């Protein structure tokens, strides 16, 4: 089964096998886990096993995310449509609005598609990623189809946290937690996926077994460069070098999104140091202070505080680490 490709999470895999094997699969499943843990991959595994119990090329394509996609334009309620993908039986929905928010046009397009088109013998799967980003209007549009879904349709939802999902959506799903694996298991898995063994060990330690984050960092040059800068920032924190921090952060004074992404990685490195990982440049009390400073800066950026001021204040704090 495709679900066996999910590392760890034995309870989740056992539950899915039992539901699929006994044909007792609920019509709505919510998979909850922090960003980078692989909730999206887990959802695609379940969808592939539901639609293609014998595996094969369509199942492999679905695992790669090569399915139909619900799209829409912000501010245009009637702009929703379905973009055809290789896997016709699966539709994915990822928020396209500001901050990844769902657009109601995406949900209504998905709803029309599954109600108005004939089903294949395999049925249909709808993958809704990060449903904590749904507003009430999008959620209400989804509820209309979840309350009385067409026969053979399986909804697979993912979220970073259960608390972030609207109660009306949460109450209609059976929920499972997707848990991180140990850094050692994460490194072994990622090495098997073609990641350089040294990179796999380093990133698995820094990102605490978050397989998706490790694979992203190892395979994307821009992401790798960002992690390198986060490590350099952590070295500056350990040395209480506010000047080096200020020089590095100055490049992000007009890039709030980039600054927030860099600080998220810096936070991860500091957290690794707090856990005692020898691969984190900053350790102990300095790691604790760096973690708190990163959290405060990320919150200020989210609150629309001027990035230049936020980053300058952060750099000054390095003197106290």
C-alpha atoms as a PDB file:
ATOM      1  CA  UNK A   1       0.000   0.000   0.000  1.00  0.00           C
ATOM      2  CA  UNK A   2       1.100   3.570  -0.665  1.00  0.00           C
ATOM      3  CA  UNK A   3       0.489   4.499   2.979  1.00  0.00           C
ATOM      4  CA  UNK A   4       3.426   2.240   3.863  1.00  0.00           C
ATOM      5  CA  UNK A   5       5.703   4.817   2.249  1.00  0.00           C
ATOM      6  CA  UNK A   6       4.907   7.225   5.067  1.00  0.00           C
ATOM      7  CA  UNK A   7       7.747   7.026   7.572  1.00  0.00           C
ATOM      8  CA  UNK A   8       6.792   6.201  11.175  1.00  0.00           C
ATOM      9  CA  UNK A   9       3.191   6.923  12.216  1.00  0.00           C
ATOM     10  CA  UNK A  10       2.309   3.265  12.725  1.00  0.00           C
ATOM     11  CA  UNK A  11      -1.063   4.017  14.365  1.00  0.00           C
ATOM     12  CA  UNK A  12      -2.194   6.163  11.456  1.00  0.00           C
ATOM     13  CA  UNK A  13      -1.084   3.566   8.913  1.00  0.00           C
ATOM     14  CA  UNK A  14      -2.803   0.743  10.796  1.00  0.00           C
ATOM     15  CA  UNK A  15      -6.065   2.709  10.999  1.00  0.00           C
ATOM     16  CA  UNK A  16      -6.003   3.498   7.279  1.00  0.00           C
ATOM     17  CA  UNK A  17      -5.325  -0.139   6.375  1.00  0.00           C
ATOM     18  CA  UNK A  18      -8.225  -1.314   8.523  1.00  0.00           C
ATOM     19  CA  UNK A  19     -10.654   1.241   7.108  1.00  0.00           C
ATOM     20  CA  UNK A  20      -9.698   0.553   3.504  1.00  0.00           C
ATOM     21  CA  UNK A  21      -9.491  -3.215   3.960  1.00  0.00           C
ATOM     22  CA  UNK A  22     -12.871  -3.418   5.627  1.00  0.00           C
ATOM     23  CA  UNK A  23     -14.457  -0.895   3.258  1.00  0.00           C
ATOM     24  CA  UNK A  24     -15.306   1.259   6.247  1.00  0.00           C
ATOM     25  CA  UNK A  25     -13.555   4.387   5.028  1.00  0.00           C
ATOM     26  CA  UNK A  26     -15.221   7.535   6.332  1.00  0.00           C
ATOM     27  CA  UNK A  27     -15.969  10.182   3.704  1.00  0.00           C
ATOM     28  CA  UNK A  28     -13.909  12.918   5.438  1.00  0.00           C
ATOM     29  CA  UNK A  29     -10.440  12.552   6.976  1.00  0.00           C
ATOM     30  CA  UNK A  30      -8.449  15.363   8.619  1.00  0.00           C
ATOM     31  CA  UNK A  31      -4.674  14.926   8.938  1.00  0.00           C
ATOM     32  CA  UNK A  32      -3.041  17.292  11.422  1.00  0.00           C
ATOM     33  CA  UNK A  33       0.659  18.051  11.730  1.00  0.00           C
ATOM     34  CA  UNK A  34       3.150  20.906  11.720  1.00  0.00           C
ATOM     35  CA  UNK A  35       4.452  22.265   8.439  1.00  0.00           C
ATOM     36  CA  UNK A  36       7.063  19.942   6.996  1.00  0.00           C
ATOM     37  CA  UNK A  37       5.860  16.752   8.685  1.00  0.00           C
ATOM     38  CA  UNK A  38       4.335  15.352   5.515  1.00  0.00           C
ATOM     39  CA  UNK A  39       0.589  15.724   6.070  1.00  0.00           C
ATOM     40  CA  UNK A  40       0.116  16.474   2.373  1.00  0.00           C
ATOM     41  CA  UNK A  41       2.112  13.413   1.392  1.00  0.00           C
ATOM     42  CA  UNK A  42       0.122  11.302   3.853  1.00  0.00           C
ATOM     43  CA  UNK A  43      -3.125  12.592   2.340  1.00  0.00           C
ATOM     44  CA  UNK A  44      -1.952  11.664  -1.155  1.00  0.00           C
ATOM     45  CA  UNK A  45      -0.962   8.194   0.070  1.00  0.00           C
ATOM     46  CA  UNK A  46      -4.464   7.625   1.469  1.00  0.00           C
ATOM     47  CA  UNK A  47      -6.051   8.973  -1.724  1.00  0.00           C
ATOM     48  CA  UNK A  48      -3.906   6.684  -3.871  1.00  0.00           C
ATOM     49  CA  UNK A  49      -4.787   3.617  -1.804  1.00  0.00           C
ATOM     50  CA  UNK A  50      -8.476   4.550  -1.910  1.00  0.00           C
ATOM     51  CA  UNK A  51      -8.601   5.129  -5.657  1.00  0.00           C
ATOM     52  CA  UNK A  52      -6.039   2.597  -6.847  1.00  0.00           C
ATOM     53  CA  UNK A  53      -5.775  -0.308  -4.390  1.00  0.00           C
ATOM     54  CA  UNK A  54      -3.553  -2.174  -6.861  1.00  0.00           C
ATOM     55  CA  UNK A  55      -1.128   0.733  -7.201  1.00  0.00           C
ATOM     56  CA  UNK A  56       0.394   1.371 -10.613  1.00  0.00           C
ATOM     57  CA  UNK A  57       1.190   4.497 -12.625  1.00  0.00           C
ATOM     58  CA  UNK A  58      -1.896   6.532 -11.577  1.00  0.00           C
ATOM     59  CA  UNK A  59      -1.109   5.920  -7.902  1.00  0.00           C
ATOM     60  CA  UNK A  60       2.493   7.031  -8.405  1.00  0.00           C
ATOM     61  CA  UNK A  61       1.349  10.148 -10.252  1.00  0.00           C
ATOM     62  CA  UNK A  62      -1.044  10.991  -7.443  1.00  0.00           C
ATOM     63  CA  UNK A  63       1.746  10.701  -4.878  1.00  0.00           C
ATOM     64  CA  UNK A  64       3.661  13.276  -6.935  1.00  0.00           C
ATOM     65  CA  UNK A  65       0.638  15.601  -6.825  1.00  0.00           C
ATOM     66  CA  UNK A  66      -0.152  15.351 -10.531  1.00  0.00           C
ATOM     67  CA  UNK A  67      -3.907  15.694 -10.126  1.00  0.00           C
ATOM     68  CA  UNK A  68      -6.578  18.188 -11.115  1.00  0.00           C
ATOM     69  CA  UNK A  69      -6.471  21.553  -9.349  1.00  0.00           C
ATOM     70  CA  UNK A  70      -9.173  23.979  -8.233  1.00  0.00           C
ATOM     71  CA  UNK A  71      -8.181  27.560  -9.040  1.00  0.00           C
ATOM     72  CA  UNK A  72      -9.824  30.992  -8.853  1.00  0.00           C
ATOM     73  CA  UNK A  73      -8.995  34.694  -8.963  1.00  0.00           C
ATOM     74  CA  UNK A  74      -9.177  36.907  -5.887  1.00  0.00           C
ATOM     75  CA  UNK A  75     -12.210  39.177  -5.852  1.00  0.00           C
ATOM     76  CA  UNK A  76     -14.032  37.217  -8.562  1.00  0.00           C
ATOM     77  CA  UNK A  77     -16.476  34.733  -7.058  1.00  0.00           C
ATOM     78  CA  UNK A  78     -17.371  33.218 -10.423  1.00  0.00           C
ATOM     79  CA  UNK A  79     -13.771  32.717 -11.595  1.00  0.00           C
ATOM     80  CA  UNK A  80     -13.337  29.250 -10.112  1.00  0.00           C
ATOM     81  CA  UNK A  81     -12.421  26.401 -12.436  1.00  0.00           C
ATOM     82  CA  UNK A  82     -10.761  23.003 -12.447  1.00  0.00           C
ATOM     83  CA  UNK A  83      -7.416  22.649 -14.164  1.00  0.00           C
ATOM     84  CA  UNK A  84      -7.096  19.131 -15.554  1.00  0.00           C
ATOM     85  CA  UNK A  85      -4.187  17.030 -14.346  1.00  0.00           C
ATOM     86  CA  UNK A  86      -2.833  13.583 -15.132  1.00  0.00           C
ATOM     87  CA  UNK A  87      -4.935  11.984 -12.388  1.00  0.00           C
ATOM     88  CA  UNK A  88      -8.524  12.842 -13.285  1.00  0.00           C
ATOM     89  CA  UNK A  89     -10.025  11.165 -10.204  1.00  0.00           C
ATOM     90  CA  UNK A  90      -8.307  13.509  -7.712  1.00  0.00           C
ATOM     91  CA  UNK A  91      -8.766  17.246  -7.190  1.00  0.00           C
ATOM     92  CA  UNK A  92      -6.416  19.323  -5.046  1.00  0.00           C
ATOM     93  CA  UNK A  93      -7.326  22.640  -3.425  1.00  0.00           C
ATOM     94  CA  UNK A  94      -4.660  24.955  -1.998  1.00  0.00           C
ATOM     95  CA  UNK A  95      -5.541  28.501  -0.946  1.00  0.00           C
ATOM     96  CA  UNK A  96      -4.657  31.108  -3.581  1.00  0.00           C
ATOM     97  CA  UNK A  97      -5.575  34.263  -1.696  1.00  0.00           C
ATOM     98  CA  UNK A  98      -3.382  36.533   0.408  1.00  0.00           C
ATOM     99  CA  UNK A  99      -1.387  34.497   2.901  1.00  0.00           C
ATOM    100  CA  UNK A 100      -2.581  31.266   1.289  1.00  0.00           C
ATOM    101  CA  UNK A 101      -6.213  31.933   2.175  1.00  0.00           C
ATOM    102  CA  UNK A 102      -8.878  29.927   0.392  1.00  0.00           C
ATOM    103  CA  UNK A 103     -10.939  31.663  -2.261  1.00  0.00           C
ATOM    104  CA  UNK A 104     -14.594  30.715  -2.272  1.00  0.00           C
ATOM    105  CA  UNK A 105     -14.413  30.291  -6.054  1.00  0.00           C
ATOM    106  CA  UNK A 106     -11.985  27.400  -5.605  1.00  0.00           C
ATOM    107  CA  UNK A 107     -14.371  25.559  -3.308  1.00  0.00           C
ATOM    108  CA  UNK A 108     -17.443  26.152  -5.454  1.00  0.00           C
ATOM    109  CA  UNK A 109     -15.557  24.987  -8.556  1.00  0.00           C
ATOM    110  CA  UNK A 110     -14.560  21.780  -6.778  1.00  0.00           C
ATOM    111  CA  UNK A 111     -18.112  21.278  -5.576  1.00  0.00           C
ATOM    112  CA  UNK A 112     -19.576  21.709  -9.049  1.00  0.00           C
ATOM    113  CA  UNK A 113     -17.011  19.333 -10.522  1.00  0.00           C
ATOM    114  CA  UNK A 114     -17.779  16.418  -8.222  1.00  0.00           C
ATOM    115  CA  UNK A 115     -21.543  16.900  -8.434  1.00  0.00           C
ATOM    116  CA  UNK A 116     -21.819  17.482 -12.169  1.00  0.00           C
ATOM    117  CA  UNK A 117     -19.321  15.015 -13.653  1.00  0.00           C
ATOM    118  CA  UNK A 118     -19.663  11.281 -13.806  1.00  0.00           C
ATOM    119  CA  UNK A 119     -17.472   9.201 -11.524  1.00  0.00           C
ATOM    120  CA  UNK A 120     -15.066   6.593 -12.744  1.00  0.00           C
ATOM    121  CA  UNK A 121     -15.121   3.134 -11.213  1.00  0.00           C
ATOM    122  CA  UNK A 122     -12.435   4.233  -8.779  1.00  0.00           C
ATOM    123  CA  UNK A 123     -14.440   7.104  -7.256  1.00  0.00           C
ATOM    124  CA  UNK A 124     -13.081  10.548  -6.471  1.00  0.00           C
ATOM    125  CA  UNK A 125     -10.686  12.038  -3.913  1.00  0.00           C
ATOM    126  CA  UNK A 126     -10.566  15.702  -2.950  1.00  0.00           C
ATOM    127  CA  UNK A 127      -7.377  16.936  -1.268  1.00  0.00           C
ATOM    128  CA  UNK A 128      -7.767  20.177   0.674  1.00  0.00           C
ATOM    129  CA  UNK A 129      -4.448  21.446   2.014  1.00  0.00           C
ATOM    130  CA  UNK A 130      -4.121  23.779   5.029  1.00  0.00           C
ATOM    131  CA  UNK A 131      -7.823  24.081   5.815  1.00  0.00           C
ATOM    132  CA  UNK A 132      -6.940  26.272   8.805  1.00  0.00           C
ATOM    133  CA  UNK A 133      -6.652  29.002   6.152  1.00  0.00           C
ATOM    134  CA  UNK A 134     -10.343  28.810   5.309  1.00  0.00           C
ATOM    135  CA  UNK A 135     -12.547  31.736   6.183  1.00  0.00           C
ATOM    136  CA  UNK A 136     -16.188  31.307   7.098  1.00  0.00           C
ATOM    137  CA  UNK A 137     -17.424  31.825   3.543  1.00  0.00           C
ATOM    138  CA  UNK A 138     -15.143  29.154   2.085  1.00  0.00           C
ATOM    139  CA  UNK A 139     -15.950  26.811   4.968  1.00  0.00           C
ATOM    140  CA  UNK A 140     -19.686  27.206   4.406  1.00  0.00           C
ATOM    141  CA  UNK A 141     -19.224  26.382   0.718  1.00  0.00           C
ATOM    142  CA  UNK A 142     -17.304  23.253   1.699  1.00  0.00           C
ATOM    143  CA  UNK A 143     -19.872  22.228   4.306  1.00  0.00           C
ATOM    144  CA  UNK A 144     -22.581  22.114   1.656  1.00  0.00           C
ATOM    145  CA  UNK A 145     -20.839  19.226  -0.039  1.00  0.00           C
ATOM    146  CA  UNK A 146     -19.402  17.543   3.074  1.00  0.00           C
ATOM    147  CA  UNK A 147     -22.842  17.266   4.676  1.00  0.00           C
ATOM    148  CA  UNK A 148     -24.233  15.234   1.765  1.00  0.00           C
ATOM    149  CA  UNK A 149     -21.274  14.142  -0.350  1.00  0.00           C
ATOM    150  CA  UNK A 150     -21.738  12.303  -3.643  1.00  0.00           C
ATOM    151  CA  UNK A 151     -21.255   8.565  -3.354  1.00  0.00           C
ATOM    152  CA  UNK A 152     -17.664   7.455  -3.782  1.00  0.00           C
ATOM    153  CA  UNK A 153     -16.073  10.799  -2.901  1.00  0.00           C
ATOM    154  CA  UNK A 154     -13.396  10.906  -0.197  1.00  0.00           C
ATOM    155  CA  UNK A 155     -12.354  14.256   1.313  1.00  0.00           C
ATOM    156  CA  UNK A 156      -8.814  14.436   2.682  1.00  0.00           C
ATOM    157  CA  UNK A 157      -8.038  17.612   4.614  1.00  0.00           C
ATOM    158  CA  UNK A 158      -4.745  18.754   6.137  1.00  0.00           C
ATOM    159  CA  UNK A 159      -4.041  21.369   8.793  1.00  0.00           C
ATOM    160  CA  UNK A 160      -1.091  22.600  10.831  1.00  0.00           C
ATOM    161  CA  UNK A 161      -3.130  22.430  14.033  1.00  0.00           C
ATOM    162  CA  UNK A 162      -6.500  21.064  15.056  1.00  0.00           C
ATOM    163  CA  UNK A 163      -7.366  24.254  16.939  1.00  0.00           C
ATOM    164  CA  UNK A 164      -6.983  26.297  13.744  1.00  0.00           C
ATOM    165  CA  UNK A 165      -9.715  24.369  11.920  1.00  0.00           C
ATOM    166  CA  UNK A 166     -13.214  25.777  12.130  1.00  0.00           C
ATOM    167  CA  UNK A 167     -15.383  23.628  14.447  1.00  0.00           C
ATOM    168  CA  UNK A 168     -17.988  23.125  11.726  1.00  0.00           C
ATOM    169  CA  UNK A 169     -15.376  21.481   9.507  1.00  0.00           C
ATOM    170  CA  UNK A 170     -13.614  19.622  12.306  1.00  0.00           C
ATOM    171  CA  UNK A 171     -16.829  18.000  13.551  1.00  0.00           C
ATOM    172  CA  UNK A 172     -17.455  16.329  10.192  1.00  0.00           C
ATOM    173  CA  UNK A 173     -14.091  14.601   9.977  1.00  0.00           C
ATOM    174  CA  UNK A 174     -12.247  11.784  11.629  1.00  0.00           C
ATOM    175  CA  UNK A 175      -8.905  13.269  12.697  1.00  0.00           C
ATOM    176  CA  UNK A 176      -5.424  11.772  12.803  1.00  0.00           C
ATOM    177  CA  UNK A 177      -2.161  13.310  13.962  1.00  0.00           C
ATOM    178  CA  UNK A 178       0.909  13.052  11.739  1.00  0.00           C
ATOM    179  CA  UNK A 179       3.935  12.871  14.015  1.00  0.00           C
ATOM    180  CA  UNK A 180       7.611  13.613  13.371  1.00  0.00           C
ATOM    181  CA  UNK A 181      10.106  10.783  13.264  1.00  0.00           C
ATOM    182  CA  UNK A 182      13.422  10.759  15.090  1.00  0.00           C
ATOM    183  CA  UNK A 183      16.271  12.701  13.448  1.00  0.00           C
ATOM    184  CA  UNK A 184      18.084   9.406  12.864  1.00  0.00           C
ATOM    185  CA  UNK A 185      15.083   7.855  11.095  1.00  0.00           C
ATOM    186  CA  UNK A 186      14.531  11.069   9.164  1.00  0.00           C
ATOM    187  CA  UNK A 187      18.147  11.083   7.968  1.00  0.00           C
ATOM    188  CA  UNK A 188      17.928   7.433   6.947  1.00  0.00           C
ATOM    189  CA  UNK A 189      14.706   8.005   5.014  1.00  0.00           C
ATOM    190  CA  UNK A 190      15.978  11.125   3.238  1.00  0.00           C
ATOM    191  CA  UNK A 191      19.250   9.434   2.322  1.00  0.00           C
ATOM    192  CA  UNK A 192      17.203   6.651   0.729  1.00  0.00           C
ATOM    193  CA  UNK A 193      15.432   9.368  -1.283  1.00  0.00           C
ATOM    194  CA  UNK A 194      18.745  10.466  -2.778  1.00  0.00           C
ATOM    195  CA  UNK A 195      19.781  13.202  -0.344  1.00  0.00           C
ATOM    196  CA  UNK A 196      23.498  13.436   0.429  1.00  0.00           C
ATOM    197  CA  UNK A 197      24.048  11.610   3.727  1.00  0.00           C
ATOM    198  CA  UNK A 198      25.845  14.538   5.412  1.00  0.00           C
ATOM    199  CA  UNK A 199      23.092  16.959   4.405  1.00  0.00           C
ATOM    200  CA  UNK A 200      20.448  14.481   5.549  1.00  0.00           C
ATOM    201  CA  UNK A 201      22.009  14.187   8.999  1.00  0.00           C
ATOM    202  CA  UNK A 202      22.524  17.948   9.387  1.00  0.00           C
ATOM    203  CA  UNK A 203      19.047  18.982   8.283  1.00  0.00           C
ATOM    204  CA  UNK A 204      17.349  16.171  10.185  1.00  0.00           C
ATOM    205  CA  UNK A 205      18.986  17.419  13.391  1.00  0.00           C
ATOM    206  CA  UNK A 206      18.167  21.056  12.693  1.00  0.00           C
ATOM    207  CA  UNK A 207      14.554  20.410  11.702  1.00  0.00           C
ATOM    208  CA  UNK A 208      13.869  17.696  14.283  1.00  0.00           C
ATOM    209  CA  UNK A 209      12.682  14.909  12.028  1.00  0.00           C
ATOM    210  CA  UNK A 210      10.416  17.000   9.768  1.00  0.00           C
ATOM    211  CA  UNK A 211      10.947  14.973   6.605  1.00  0.00           C
ATOM    212  CA  UNK A 212       9.239  17.395   4.224  1.00  0.00           C
ATOM    213  CA  UNK A 213      11.332  20.316   5.459  1.00  0.00           C
ATOM    214  CA  UNK A 214      14.543  18.295   5.194  1.00  0.00           C
ATOM    215  CA  UNK A 215      13.798  17.208   1.632  1.00  0.00           C
ATOM    216  CA  UNK A 216      12.917  20.777   0.676  1.00  0.00           C
ATOM    217  CA  UNK A 217      16.141  22.147   2.148  1.00  0.00           C
ATOM    218  CA  UNK A 218      18.260  19.470   0.502  1.00  0.00           C
ATOM    219  CA  UNK A 219      16.735  19.671  -2.962  1.00  0.00           C
ATOM    220  CA  UNK A 220      16.207  23.408  -3.461  1.00  0.00           C
ATOM    221  CA  UNK A 221      19.280  25.611  -3.872  1.00  0.00           C
ATOM    222  CA  UNK A 222      17.527  28.771  -2.679  1.00  0.00           C
ATOM    223  CA  UNK A 223      16.226  26.952   0.385  1.00  0.00           C
ATOM    224  CA  UNK A 224      19.684  25.535   1.080  1.00  0.00           C
ATOM    225  CA  UNK A 225      21.189  29.026   0.853  1.00  0.00           C
ATOM    226  CA  UNK A 226      18.591  30.295   3.312  1.00  0.00           C
ATOM    227  CA  UNK A 227      19.466  27.566   5.821  1.00  0.00           C
ATOM    228  CA  UNK A 228      23.154  28.470   5.440  1.00  0.00           C
ATOM    229  CA  UNK A 229      22.306  32.078   6.324  1.00  0.00           C
ATOM    230  CA  UNK A 230      20.304  30.903   9.327  1.00  0.00           C
ATOM    231  CA  UNK A 231      23.334  28.927  10.482  1.00  0.00           C
ATOM    232  CA  UNK A 232      25.538  32.001   9.992  1.00  0.00           C
ATOM    233  CA  UNK A 233      23.069  34.025  12.037  1.00  0.00           C
ATOM    234  CA  UNK A 234      23.207  31.387  14.774  1.00  0.00           C
ATOM    235  CA  UNK A 235      27.021  31.594  14.797  1.00  0.00           C
ATOM    236  CA  UNK A 236      26.715  35.357  15.257  1.00  0.00           C
ATOM    237  CA  UNK A 237      24.315  34.748  18.136  1.00  0.00           C
ATOM    238  CA  UNK A 238      26.779  32.381  19.814  1.00  0.00           C
ATOM    239  CA  UNK A 239      29.551  34.974  19.417  1.00  0.00           C
ATOM    240  CA  UNK A 240      27.276  37.855  20.539  1.00  0.00           C
ATOM    241  CA  UNK A 241      28.261  39.532  17.269  1.00  0.00           C
ATOM    242  CA  UNK A 242      25.510  42.071  16.624  1.00  0.00           C
ATOM    243  CA  UNK A 243      27.500  43.635  13.766  1.00  0.00           C
ATOM    244  CA  UNK A 244      27.646  40.383  11.785  1.00  0.00           C
ATOM    245  CA  UNK A 245      23.939  39.879  12.440  1.00  0.00           C
ATOM    246  CA  UNK A 246      23.123  43.416  11.285  1.00  0.00           C
ATOM    247  CA  UNK A 247      25.099  42.960   8.055  1.00  0.00           C
ATOM    248  CA  UNK A 248      23.341  39.697   7.259  1.00  0.00           C
ATOM    249  CA  UNK A 249      19.870  41.006   8.118  1.00  0.00           C
ATOM    250  CA  UNK A 250      20.315  44.273   6.211  1.00  0.00           C
ATOM    251  CA  UNK A 251      19.646  42.439   2.941  1.00  0.00           C
ATOM    252  CA  UNK A 252      16.100  41.712   4.154  1.00  0.00           C
ATOM    253  CA  UNK A 253      15.052  45.203   5.232  1.00  0.00           C
ATOM    254  CA  UNK A 254      12.794  45.550   2.175  1.00  0.00           C
ATOM    255  CA  UNK A 255      11.805  41.892   1.967  1.00  0.00           C
ATOM    256  CA  UNK A 256       9.378  41.078   4.757  1.00  0.00           C
ATOM    257  CA  UNK A 257       8.448  37.671   3.368  1.00  0.00           C
ATOM    258  CA  UNK A 258      12.092  36.690   2.949  1.00  0.00           C
ATOM    259  CA  UNK A 259      12.925  38.001   6.415  1.00  0.00           C
ATOM    260  CA  UNK A 260      10.154  35.949   8.006  1.00  0.00           C
ATOM    261  CA  UNK A 261      11.321  32.816   6.174  1.00  0.00           C
ATOM    262  CA  UNK A 262      14.935  33.351   7.258  1.00  0.00           C
ATOM    263  CA  UNK A 263      13.893  33.938  10.869  1.00  0.00           C
ATOM    264  CA  UNK A 264      11.801  30.753  10.805  1.00  0.00           C
ATOM    265  CA  UNK A 265      14.930  28.805   9.896  1.00  0.00           C
ATOM    266  CA  UNK A 266      16.980  30.718  12.473  1.00  0.00           C
ATOM    267  CA  UNK A 267      14.353  29.790  15.032  1.00  0.00           C
ATOM    268  CA  UNK A 268      14.644  26.124  14.030  1.00  0.00           C
ATOM    269  CA  UNK A 269      18.431  26.239  14.443  1.00  0.00           C
ATOM    270  CA  UNK A 270      18.102  27.878  17.864  1.00  0.00           C
ATOM    271  CA  UNK A 271      15.537  25.269  18.910  1.00  0.00           C
ATOM    272  CA  UNK A 272      17.949  22.530  17.830  1.00  0.00           C
ATOM    273  CA  UNK A 273      20.609  24.115  20.024  1.00  0.00           C
ATOM    274  CA  UNK A 274      18.188  24.207  22.923  1.00  0.00           C
ATOM    275  CA  UNK A 275      17.600  20.473  22.425  1.00  0.00           C
ATOM    276  CA  UNK A 276      21.363  19.990  22.666  1.00  0.00           C
ATOM    277  CA  UNK A 277      22.025  19.139  19.025  1.00  0.00           C
ATOM    278  CA  UNK A 278      25.797  19.394  18.451  1.00  0.00           C
ATOM    279  CA  UNK A 279      25.146  20.590  14.894  1.00  0.00           C
ATOM    280  CA  UNK A 280      23.515  23.831  16.047  1.00  0.00           C
ATOM    281  CA  UNK A 281      26.078  26.678  16.362  1.00  0.00           C
ATOM    282  CA  UNK A 282      24.241  28.234  19.319  1.00  0.00           C
ATOM    283  CA  UNK A 283      23.644  26.277  22.541  1.00  0.00           C
ATOM    284  CA  UNK A 284      22.198  26.478  26.049  1.00  0.00           C
ATOM    285  CA  UNK A 285      21.027  29.809  27.405  1.00  0.00           C
ATOM    286  CA  UNK A 286      22.168  31.629  24.273  1.00  0.00           C
ATOM    287  CA  UNK A 287      19.942  29.318  22.214  1.00  0.00           C
ATOM    288  CA  UNK A 288      17.004  30.061  24.518  1.00  0.00           C
ATOM    289  CA  UNK A 289      17.513  33.824  24.118  1.00  0.00           C
ATOM    290  CA  UNK A 290      17.931  33.489  20.356  1.00  0.00           C
ATOM    291  CA  UNK A 291      14.722  31.476  20.131  1.00  0.00           C
ATOM    292  CA  UNK A 292      12.769  34.088  22.086  1.00  0.00           C
ATOM    293  CA  UNK A 293      14.230  36.926  20.007  1.00  0.00           C
ATOM    294  CA  UNK A 294      13.342  35.136  16.761  1.00  0.00           C
ATOM    295  CA  UNK A 295       9.763  34.561  17.947  1.00  0.00           C
ATOM    296  CA  UNK A 296       9.392  38.225  18.886  1.00  0.00           C
ATOM    297  CA  UNK A 297      10.742  39.401  15.521  1.00  0.00           C
ATOM    298  CA  UNK A 298       8.477  37.035  13.575  1.00  0.00           C
ATOM    299  CA  UNK A 299       5.474  38.317  15.523  1.00  0.00           C
ATOM    300  CA  UNK A 300       6.422  41.929  14.794  1.00  0.00           C
ATOM    301  CA  UNK A 301       6.749  41.216  11.093  1.00  0.00           C
ATOM    302  CA  UNK A 302       3.315  39.598  11.171  1.00  0.00           C
ATOM    303  CA  UNK A 303       1.934  42.673  12.932  1.00  0.00           C
ATOM    304  CA  UNK A 304       3.149  44.890  10.080  1.00  0.00           C
ATOM    305  CA  UNK A 305       5.954  46.533  12.064  1.00  0.00           C
ATOM    306  CA  UNK A 306       8.555  48.088   9.755  1.00  0.00           C
ATOM    307  CA  UNK A 307      10.972  45.279   8.750  1.00  0.00           C
ATOM    308  CA  UNK A 308      14.036  47.542   8.979  1.00  0.00           C
ATOM    309  CA  UNK A 309      13.218  48.474  12.566  1.00  0.00           C
ATOM    310  CA  UNK A 310      12.363  44.886  13.482  1.00  0.00           C
ATOM    311  CA  UNK A 311      15.616  43.496  12.096  1.00  0.00           C
ATOM    312  CA  UNK A 312      17.722  46.280  13.600  1.00  0.00           C
ATOM    313  CA  UNK A 313      16.265  45.605  17.039  1.00  0.00           C
ATOM    314  CA  UNK A 314      16.921  41.888  16.596  1.00  0.00           C
ATOM    315  CA  UNK A 315      20.556  42.472  15.653  1.00  0.00           C
ATOM    316  CA  UNK A 316      21.084  44.649  18.734  1.00  0.00           C
ATOM    317  CA  UNK A 317      19.770  41.850  20.962  1.00  0.00           C
ATOM    318  CA  UNK A 318      22.636  39.620  19.850  1.00  0.00           C
ATOM    319  CA  UNK A 319      24.887  41.528  22.273  1.00  0.00           C
ATOM    320  CA  UNK A 320      22.937  40.084  25.189  1.00  0.00           C
ATOM    321  CA  UNK A 321      23.022  36.422  24.146  1.00  0.00           C
END
